């Protein structure tokens, strides 16, 4: 994800262009598979209808999904928006409740590193993002510096 400072008190984090393009390519492939399955709906097999519905839903979200993280220091919030032509989820984290940002290894993930938010209220850190060690280290340092919080490795 790319960290972009808009002003001294606002910043955004967006997906890289490669991630967006690859998601759209995979979405188009699923849409084509869905179209091919639609041609087979004349047989009226219930399983084909189920495959069509799952393929259509997955391709819809792959084509139009968008994740944006907005950091607003004037409001002291980090807001995450997930949308796909319509809002799917919104999460707001208070910056004043954040103790630190932490980089942690995760053997269950392919990229093996999580960027965690350590909060004043929770015993368990909240997973903010995941990726390679270099990407999460870079993002965590920029985020911690911008928010004025420590970054732990």
N, C-alpha and C. Protein backbone atom coordinates (compact mmCIF):
# COMPACT_ATOMS: atom_id res chain seq x y z
N UNK A 1 0.84 -1.17 0.00
CA UNK A 1 0.00 0.00 0.00
C UNK A 1 0.89 1.24 0.00
N UNK A 2 0.39 2.29 -0.62
CA UNK A 2 1.17 3.51 -0.76
C UNK A 2 0.67 4.58 0.21
N UNK A 3 1.58 5.12 0.98
CA UNK A 3 1.29 6.20 1.92
C UNK A 3 1.51 7.52 1.21
N UNK A 4 0.48 8.39 1.22
CA UNK A 4 0.60 9.68 0.55
C UNK A 4 0.14 10.76 1.50
N UNK A 5 1.05 11.68 1.82
CA UNK A 5 0.74 12.80 2.70
C UNK A 5 0.11 13.90 1.86
N UNK A 6 -1.15 14.22 2.15
CA UNK A 6 -1.88 15.24 1.39
C UNK A 6 -1.57 16.63 1.93
N UNK A 7 -1.58 16.78 3.25
CA UNK A 7 -1.24 18.03 3.91
C UNK A 7 -0.57 17.69 5.23
N UNK A 8 -0.32 18.71 6.04
CA UNK A 8 0.37 18.45 7.30
C UNK A 8 -0.48 17.68 8.30
N UNK A 9 -1.82 17.66 8.09
CA UNK A 9 -2.68 16.93 9.02
C UNK A 9 -3.55 15.87 8.35
N UNK A 10 -3.35 15.61 7.05
CA UNK A 10 -4.13 14.58 6.35
C UNK A 10 -3.22 13.74 5.47
N UNK A 11 -3.53 12.44 5.45
CA UNK A 11 -2.79 11.50 4.60
C UNK A 11 -3.73 10.38 4.19
N UNK A 12 -3.37 9.68 3.11
CA UNK A 12 -4.15 8.52 2.67
C UNK A 12 -3.20 7.36 2.41
N UNK A 13 -3.77 6.17 2.50
CA UNK A 13 -3.06 4.96 2.15
C UNK A 13 -3.94 4.22 1.16
N UNK A 14 -3.42 3.96 -0.03
CA UNK A 14 -4.18 3.28 -1.08
C UNK A 14 -3.41 2.09 -1.59
N UNK A 15 -4.12 1.20 -2.27
CA UNK A 15 -3.48 0.04 -2.89
C UNK A 15 -2.57 0.49 -4.02
N UNK A 16 -1.56 -0.29 -4.27
CA UNK A 16 -0.68 -0.02 -5.39
C UNK A 16 -1.43 -0.28 -6.69
N UNK A 17 -0.97 0.35 -7.74
CA UNK A 17 -1.62 0.22 -9.04
C UNK A 17 -1.59 -1.23 -9.53
N UNK A 18 -0.48 -1.95 -9.27
CA UNK A 18 -0.36 -3.35 -9.68
C UNK A 18 -1.45 -4.19 -9.00
N UNK A 19 -1.70 -3.96 -7.71
CA UNK A 19 -2.73 -4.71 -7.00
C UNK A 19 -4.10 -4.46 -7.60
N UNK A 20 -4.38 -3.22 -7.93
CA UNK A 20 -5.68 -2.86 -8.51
C UNK A 20 -5.85 -3.49 -9.89
N UNK A 21 -4.82 -3.42 -10.72
CA UNK A 21 -4.91 -3.97 -12.07
C UNK A 21 -5.01 -5.49 -12.02
N UNK A 22 -4.22 -6.14 -11.17
CA UNK A 22 -4.27 -7.61 -11.10
C UNK A 22 -5.63 -8.08 -10.59
N UNK A 23 -6.22 -7.34 -9.64
CA UNK A 23 -7.54 -7.70 -9.14
C UNK A 23 -8.58 -7.58 -10.25
N UNK A 24 -8.45 -6.55 -11.09
CA UNK A 24 -9.39 -6.37 -12.20
C UNK A 24 -9.23 -7.48 -13.24
N UNK A 25 -7.99 -7.88 -13.52
CA UNK A 25 -7.76 -8.97 -14.48
C UNK A 25 -8.38 -10.26 -13.98
N UNK A 26 -8.17 -10.57 -12.72
CA UNK A 26 -8.77 -11.78 -12.14
C UNK A 26 -10.28 -11.67 -12.14
N UNK A 27 -10.82 -10.47 -11.87
CA UNK A 27 -12.26 -10.25 -11.92
C UNK A 27 -12.83 -10.48 -13.30
N UNK A 28 -12.11 -10.04 -14.33
CA UNK A 28 -12.56 -10.25 -15.71
C UNK A 28 -12.56 -11.74 -16.04
N UNK A 29 -11.54 -12.47 -15.56
CA UNK A 29 -11.49 -13.92 -15.79
C UNK A 29 -12.70 -14.59 -15.14
N UNK A 30 -13.01 -14.20 -13.90
CA UNK A 30 -14.18 -14.76 -13.23
C UNK A 30 -15.47 -14.37 -13.95
N UNK A 31 -15.53 -13.15 -14.47
CA UNK A 31 -16.71 -12.72 -15.22
C UNK A 31 -16.88 -13.55 -16.49
N UNK A 32 -15.76 -13.86 -17.17
CA UNK A 32 -15.84 -14.69 -18.36
C UNK A 32 -16.29 -16.12 -18.02
N UNK A 33 -15.76 -16.65 -16.93
CA UNK A 33 -16.19 -17.99 -16.50
C UNK A 33 -17.67 -17.97 -16.16
N UNK A 34 -18.12 -16.90 -15.50
CA UNK A 34 -19.53 -16.76 -15.16
C UNK A 34 -20.39 -16.70 -16.43
N UNK A 35 -19.92 -15.98 -17.45
CA UNK A 35 -20.65 -15.89 -18.71
C UNK A 35 -20.74 -17.26 -19.38
N UNK A 36 -19.65 -18.01 -19.35
CA UNK A 36 -19.66 -19.36 -19.95
C UNK A 36 -20.64 -20.26 -19.19
N UNK A 37 -20.64 -20.14 -17.86
CA UNK A 37 -21.59 -20.92 -17.06
C UNK A 37 -23.03 -20.50 -17.35
N UNK A 38 -23.22 -19.22 -17.63
CA UNK A 38 -24.56 -18.73 -17.95
C UNK A 38 -25.09 -19.37 -19.23
N UNK A 39 -24.21 -19.65 -20.16
CA UNK A 39 -24.63 -20.32 -21.38
C UNK A 39 -25.15 -21.72 -21.09
N UNK A 40 -24.67 -22.33 -20.00
CA UNK A 40 -25.11 -23.66 -19.62
C UNK A 40 -26.36 -23.67 -18.75
N UNK A 41 -26.93 -22.50 -18.46
CA UNK A 41 -28.12 -22.45 -17.60
C UNK A 41 -29.36 -23.04 -18.27
N UNK A 42 -29.30 -23.24 -19.55
CA UNK A 42 -30.43 -23.85 -20.25
C UNK A 42 -30.72 -25.26 -19.77
N UNK A 43 -29.72 -25.90 -19.15
CA UNK A 43 -29.91 -27.26 -18.64
C UNK A 43 -30.66 -27.23 -17.31
N UNK A 44 -30.72 -26.08 -16.65
CA UNK A 44 -31.44 -25.89 -15.38
C UNK A 44 -30.89 -26.75 -14.24
N UNK A 45 -29.61 -27.03 -14.26
CA UNK A 45 -29.00 -27.70 -13.11
C UNK A 45 -28.87 -26.70 -11.97
N UNK A 46 -29.27 -27.13 -10.78
CA UNK A 46 -29.18 -26.23 -9.63
C UNK A 46 -27.74 -25.86 -9.32
N UNK A 47 -26.82 -26.78 -9.51
CA UNK A 47 -25.43 -26.52 -9.20
C UNK A 47 -24.84 -25.47 -10.13
N UNK A 48 -25.27 -25.45 -11.40
CA UNK A 48 -24.79 -24.45 -12.35
C UNK A 48 -25.27 -23.07 -11.93
N UNK A 49 -26.48 -22.96 -11.42
CA UNK A 49 -27.00 -21.68 -10.95
C UNK A 49 -26.20 -21.21 -9.74
N UNK A 50 -25.85 -22.13 -8.85
CA UNK A 50 -25.03 -21.78 -7.70
C UNK A 50 -23.65 -21.31 -8.14
N UNK A 51 -23.03 -22.01 -9.08
CA UNK A 51 -21.73 -21.59 -9.59
C UNK A 51 -21.82 -20.21 -10.24
N UNK A 52 -22.88 -19.97 -10.98
CA UNK A 52 -23.06 -18.68 -11.63
C UNK A 52 -23.19 -17.57 -10.58
N UNK A 53 -23.97 -17.80 -9.54
CA UNK A 53 -24.16 -16.78 -8.51
C UNK A 53 -22.85 -16.47 -7.78
N UNK A 54 -22.09 -17.49 -7.43
CA UNK A 54 -20.82 -17.29 -6.74
C UNK A 54 -19.83 -16.57 -7.65
N UNK A 55 -19.75 -17.00 -8.90
CA UNK A 55 -18.84 -16.36 -9.85
C UNK A 55 -19.20 -14.91 -10.11
N UNK A 56 -20.49 -14.63 -10.24
CA UNK A 56 -20.93 -13.25 -10.48
C UNK A 56 -20.61 -12.36 -9.28
N UNK A 57 -20.87 -12.85 -8.09
CA UNK A 57 -20.59 -12.07 -6.88
C UNK A 57 -19.09 -11.82 -6.72
N UNK A 58 -18.28 -12.85 -6.92
CA UNK A 58 -16.84 -12.70 -6.77
C UNK A 58 -16.27 -11.76 -7.83
N UNK A 59 -16.69 -11.91 -9.07
CA UNK A 59 -16.17 -11.03 -10.12
C UNK A 59 -16.60 -9.59 -9.89
N UNK A 60 -17.81 -9.37 -9.39
CA UNK A 60 -18.31 -8.02 -9.09
C UNK A 60 -17.39 -7.35 -8.08
N UNK A 61 -17.08 -8.05 -7.00
CA UNK A 61 -16.26 -7.45 -5.96
C UNK A 61 -14.80 -7.31 -6.39
N UNK A 62 -14.29 -8.22 -7.20
CA UNK A 62 -12.92 -8.09 -7.68
C UNK A 62 -12.79 -6.91 -8.65
N UNK A 63 -13.80 -6.67 -9.45
CA UNK A 63 -13.74 -5.58 -10.42
C UNK A 63 -13.88 -4.21 -9.77
N UNK A 64 -14.71 -4.08 -8.74
CA UNK A 64 -15.03 -2.76 -8.21
C UNK A 64 -14.58 -2.51 -6.78
N UNK A 65 -13.92 -3.47 -6.15
CA UNK A 65 -13.50 -3.30 -4.75
C UNK A 65 -12.43 -2.22 -4.63
N UNK A 66 -12.53 -1.46 -3.54
CA UNK A 66 -11.57 -0.39 -3.30
C UNK A 66 -11.39 -0.23 -1.78
N UNK A 67 -10.16 -0.18 -1.35
CA UNK A 67 -9.85 0.02 0.06
C UNK A 67 -9.06 1.31 0.18
N UNK A 68 -9.54 2.22 1.05
CA UNK A 68 -8.87 3.49 1.28
C UNK A 68 -8.75 3.72 2.77
N UNK A 69 -7.57 4.11 3.20
CA UNK A 69 -7.34 4.46 4.60
C UNK A 69 -7.02 5.95 4.63
N UNK A 70 -7.78 6.69 5.45
CA UNK A 70 -7.57 8.13 5.58
C UNK A 70 -7.12 8.43 7.01
N UNK A 71 -6.04 9.18 7.14
CA UNK A 71 -5.54 9.60 8.44
C UNK A 71 -5.79 11.09 8.55
N UNK A 72 -6.53 11.49 9.57
CA UNK A 72 -6.86 12.90 9.79
C UNK A 72 -6.41 13.28 11.19
N UNK A 73 -5.31 14.04 11.28
CA UNK A 73 -4.78 14.43 12.58
C UNK A 73 -5.64 15.49 13.25
N UNK A 74 -6.36 16.30 12.48
CA UNK A 74 -7.22 17.32 13.09
C UNK A 74 -8.39 16.67 13.84
N UNK A 75 -8.90 15.56 13.31
CA UNK A 75 -9.97 14.82 13.98
C UNK A 75 -9.43 13.69 14.85
N UNK A 76 -8.11 13.42 14.75
CA UNK A 76 -7.45 12.37 15.51
C UNK A 76 -8.05 10.98 15.22
N UNK A 77 -8.25 10.67 13.91
CA UNK A 77 -8.82 9.37 13.53
C UNK A 77 -8.06 8.78 12.34
N UNK A 78 -8.09 7.45 12.30
CA UNK A 78 -7.67 6.68 11.13
C UNK A 78 -8.93 5.95 10.67
N UNK A 79 -9.42 6.29 9.48
CA UNK A 79 -10.66 5.72 8.96
C UNK A 79 -10.36 4.82 7.77
N UNK A 80 -10.85 3.59 7.82
CA UNK A 80 -10.69 2.64 6.74
C UNK A 80 -12.04 2.47 6.05
N UNK A 81 -12.06 2.66 4.73
CA UNK A 81 -13.27 2.51 3.93
C UNK A 81 -13.07 1.37 2.94
N UNK A 82 -13.99 0.42 2.92
CA UNK A 82 -13.99 -0.66 1.94
C UNK A 82 -15.29 -0.52 1.16
N UNK A 83 -15.17 -0.42 -0.17
CA UNK A 83 -16.37 -0.23 -0.98
C UNK A 83 -16.27 -1.00 -2.29
N UNK A 84 -17.43 -1.22 -2.88
CA UNK A 84 -17.54 -1.85 -4.17
C UNK A 84 -18.84 -1.33 -4.78
N UNK A 85 -18.80 -0.23 -5.46
CA UNK A 85 -19.96 0.50 -5.96
C UNK A 85 -20.93 0.89 -4.84
N UNK A 86 -20.84 0.23 -3.73
CA UNK A 86 -21.61 0.58 -2.53
C UNK A 86 -20.68 0.34 -1.33
N UNK A 87 -20.91 1.02 -0.22
CA UNK A 87 -20.04 0.82 0.94
C UNK A 87 -20.19 -0.58 1.52
N UNK A 88 -19.07 -1.23 1.81
CA UNK A 88 -19.08 -2.56 2.40
C UNK A 88 -18.77 -2.47 3.89
N UNK A 89 -17.72 -1.71 4.23
CA UNK A 89 -17.34 -1.59 5.64
C UNK A 89 -16.65 -0.26 5.87
N UNK A 90 -16.77 0.22 7.10
CA UNK A 90 -16.06 1.42 7.52
C UNK A 90 -15.61 1.20 8.95
N UNK A 91 -14.36 1.52 9.20
CA UNK A 91 -13.81 1.36 10.53
C UNK A 91 -13.07 2.64 10.90
N UNK A 92 -13.32 3.12 12.11
CA UNK A 92 -12.68 4.33 12.59
C UNK A 92 -11.90 4.00 13.85
N UNK A 93 -10.61 4.33 13.84
CA UNK A 93 -9.73 4.09 14.98
C UNK A 93 -9.24 5.45 15.48
N UNK A 94 -9.40 5.69 16.76
CA UNK A 94 -8.95 6.94 17.36
C UNK A 94 -7.44 6.92 17.54
N UNK A 95 -6.77 7.96 17.05
CA UNK A 95 -5.31 8.03 17.17
C UNK A 95 -4.91 8.20 18.63
N UNK A 96 -5.74 8.85 19.41
CA UNK A 96 -5.41 9.06 20.83
C UNK A 96 -5.40 7.74 21.60
N UNK A 97 -6.11 6.73 21.10
CA UNK A 97 -6.14 5.42 21.76
C UNK A 97 -4.98 4.52 21.35
N UNK A 98 -4.16 4.95 20.40
CA UNK A 98 -3.05 4.14 19.90
C UNK A 98 -1.81 4.38 20.75
N UNK A 99 -1.25 3.29 21.27
CA UNK A 99 0.03 3.38 22.00
C UNK A 99 1.20 3.39 21.03
N UNK A 100 1.15 2.46 20.06
CA UNK A 100 2.27 2.30 19.13
C UNK A 100 1.84 1.48 17.92
N UNK A 101 2.68 1.49 16.90
CA UNK A 101 2.54 0.61 15.75
C UNK A 101 3.63 -0.45 15.89
N UNK A 102 3.31 -1.69 15.52
CA UNK A 102 4.23 -2.79 15.75
C UNK A 102 4.33 -3.66 14.51
N UNK A 103 5.53 -4.09 14.18
CA UNK A 103 5.76 -5.03 13.09
C UNK A 103 5.96 -6.41 13.70
N UNK A 104 5.16 -7.37 13.25
CA UNK A 104 5.19 -8.69 13.84
C UNK A 104 5.21 -9.74 12.74
N UNK A 105 6.00 -10.80 12.94
CA UNK A 105 6.02 -11.88 11.95
C UNK A 105 4.81 -12.79 12.17
N UNK A 106 4.31 -13.35 11.08
CA UNK A 106 3.13 -14.23 11.11
C UNK A 106 3.40 -15.44 10.22
N UNK A 107 3.69 -16.61 10.81
CA UNK A 107 4.02 -17.78 9.99
C UNK A 107 2.83 -18.34 9.21
N UNK A 108 1.60 -17.90 9.51
CA UNK A 108 0.43 -18.41 8.81
C UNK A 108 0.16 -17.66 7.50
N UNK A 109 0.80 -16.52 7.27
CA UNK A 109 0.58 -15.73 6.06
C UNK A 109 1.73 -15.95 5.07
N UNK A 110 1.43 -15.77 3.81
CA UNK A 110 2.44 -15.97 2.77
C UNK A 110 3.55 -14.93 2.90
N UNK A 111 3.17 -13.66 3.08
CA UNK A 111 4.18 -12.60 3.18
C UNK A 111 4.79 -12.52 4.57
N UNK A 112 4.17 -13.15 5.55
CA UNK A 112 4.70 -13.42 6.88
C UNK A 112 4.88 -12.23 7.82
N UNK A 113 4.40 -11.03 7.50
CA UNK A 113 4.54 -9.90 8.42
C UNK A 113 3.24 -9.13 8.52
N UNK A 114 2.89 -8.74 9.75
CA UNK A 114 1.70 -7.95 10.03
C UNK A 114 2.10 -6.61 10.60
N UNK A 115 1.38 -5.57 10.19
CA UNK A 115 1.52 -4.26 10.83
C UNK A 115 0.38 -4.16 11.83
N UNK A 116 0.72 -4.07 13.10
CA UNK A 116 -0.27 -4.09 14.17
C UNK A 116 -0.41 -2.72 14.81
N UNK A 117 -1.62 -2.44 15.31
CA UNK A 117 -1.87 -1.25 16.09
C UNK A 117 -2.04 -1.70 17.53
N UNK A 118 -1.17 -1.20 18.40
CA UNK A 118 -1.26 -1.51 19.82
C UNK A 118 -2.09 -0.40 20.46
N UNK A 119 -3.21 -0.79 21.07
CA UNK A 119 -4.17 0.17 21.61
C UNK A 119 -4.09 0.25 23.13
N UNK A 120 -4.57 1.34 23.67
CA UNK A 120 -4.65 1.50 25.12
C UNK A 120 -5.74 0.63 25.72
N UNK A 121 -6.77 0.28 24.93
CA UNK A 121 -7.94 -0.41 25.45
C UNK A 121 -7.92 -1.92 25.28
N UNK A 122 -7.21 -2.42 24.29
CA UNK A 122 -7.23 -3.86 24.01
C UNK A 122 -5.94 -4.52 24.48
N UNK A 123 -6.07 -5.73 25.00
CA UNK A 123 -4.88 -6.50 25.34
C UNK A 123 -4.21 -7.07 24.09
N UNK A 124 -5.03 -7.38 23.09
CA UNK A 124 -4.53 -7.97 21.85
C UNK A 124 -4.40 -6.87 20.79
N UNK A 125 -3.23 -6.77 20.12
CA UNK A 125 -3.06 -5.75 19.07
C UNK A 125 -4.00 -6.01 17.89
N UNK A 126 -4.38 -4.95 17.21
CA UNK A 126 -5.25 -5.01 16.05
C UNK A 126 -4.40 -5.06 14.79
N UNK A 127 -4.69 -6.04 13.90
CA UNK A 127 -3.93 -6.16 12.65
C UNK A 127 -4.43 -5.11 11.67
N UNK A 128 -3.54 -4.21 11.30
CA UNK A 128 -3.88 -3.10 10.40
C UNK A 128 -3.64 -3.47 8.95
N UNK A 129 -2.51 -4.16 8.68
CA UNK A 129 -2.16 -4.51 7.31
C UNK A 129 -1.19 -5.67 7.34
N UNK A 130 -0.98 -6.32 6.19
CA UNK A 130 -0.02 -7.41 6.10
C UNK A 130 0.72 -7.32 4.78
N UNK A 131 1.93 -7.89 4.76
CA UNK A 131 2.73 -7.89 3.54
C UNK A 131 4.15 -8.31 3.83
N UNK A 132 5.04 -7.95 2.94
CA UNK A 132 6.45 -8.31 3.12
C UNK A 132 7.06 -7.47 4.23
N UNK A 133 8.18 -7.91 4.75
CA UNK A 133 8.81 -7.21 5.85
C UNK A 133 9.21 -5.79 5.44
N UNK A 134 9.78 -5.63 4.27
CA UNK A 134 10.22 -4.31 3.81
C UNK A 134 9.03 -3.36 3.64
N UNK A 135 7.94 -3.84 3.01
CA UNK A 135 6.77 -3.00 2.79
C UNK A 135 6.12 -2.58 4.10
N UNK A 136 5.95 -3.53 5.01
CA UNK A 136 5.31 -3.23 6.29
C UNK A 136 6.19 -2.36 7.17
N UNK A 137 7.50 -2.54 7.08
CA UNK A 137 8.43 -1.70 7.83
C UNK A 137 8.36 -0.25 7.34
N UNK A 138 8.35 -0.09 6.02
CA UNK A 138 8.28 1.24 5.41
C UNK A 138 6.95 1.92 5.74
N UNK A 139 5.84 1.19 5.57
CA UNK A 139 4.52 1.75 5.86
C UNK A 139 4.38 2.07 7.35
N UNK A 140 4.85 1.19 8.21
CA UNK A 140 4.76 1.41 9.65
C UNK A 140 5.55 2.62 10.10
N UNK A 141 6.75 2.81 9.55
CA UNK A 141 7.55 3.97 9.92
C UNK A 141 6.90 5.27 9.47
N UNK A 142 6.36 5.29 8.25
CA UNK A 142 5.70 6.50 7.75
C UNK A 142 4.45 6.81 8.57
N UNK A 143 3.67 5.78 8.86
CA UNK A 143 2.44 5.95 9.62
C UNK A 143 2.73 6.42 11.05
N UNK A 144 3.72 5.80 11.69
CA UNK A 144 4.08 6.18 13.06
C UNK A 144 4.62 7.61 13.12
N UNK A 145 5.47 7.97 12.15
CA UNK A 145 6.01 9.32 12.11
C UNK A 145 4.91 10.35 11.90
N UNK A 146 4.00 10.07 10.98
CA UNK A 146 2.92 11.01 10.68
C UNK A 146 1.99 11.19 11.88
N UNK A 147 1.68 10.08 12.57
CA UNK A 147 0.76 10.13 13.72
C UNK A 147 1.46 10.54 15.02
N UNK A 148 2.78 10.57 15.03
CA UNK A 148 3.52 10.93 16.24
C UNK A 148 3.50 9.83 17.28
N UNK A 149 3.48 8.58 16.84
CA UNK A 149 3.48 7.43 17.73
C UNK A 149 4.75 6.62 17.50
N UNK A 150 5.17 5.82 18.48
CA UNK A 150 6.37 5.00 18.28
C UNK A 150 6.10 3.81 17.35
N UNK A 151 7.16 3.37 16.67
CA UNK A 151 7.10 2.20 15.81
C UNK A 151 8.01 1.13 16.40
N UNK A 152 7.45 -0.01 16.74
CA UNK A 152 8.20 -1.10 17.36
C UNK A 152 8.44 -2.19 16.34
N UNK A 153 9.68 -2.72 16.31
CA UNK A 153 9.97 -3.82 15.40
C UNK A 153 10.32 -5.07 16.17
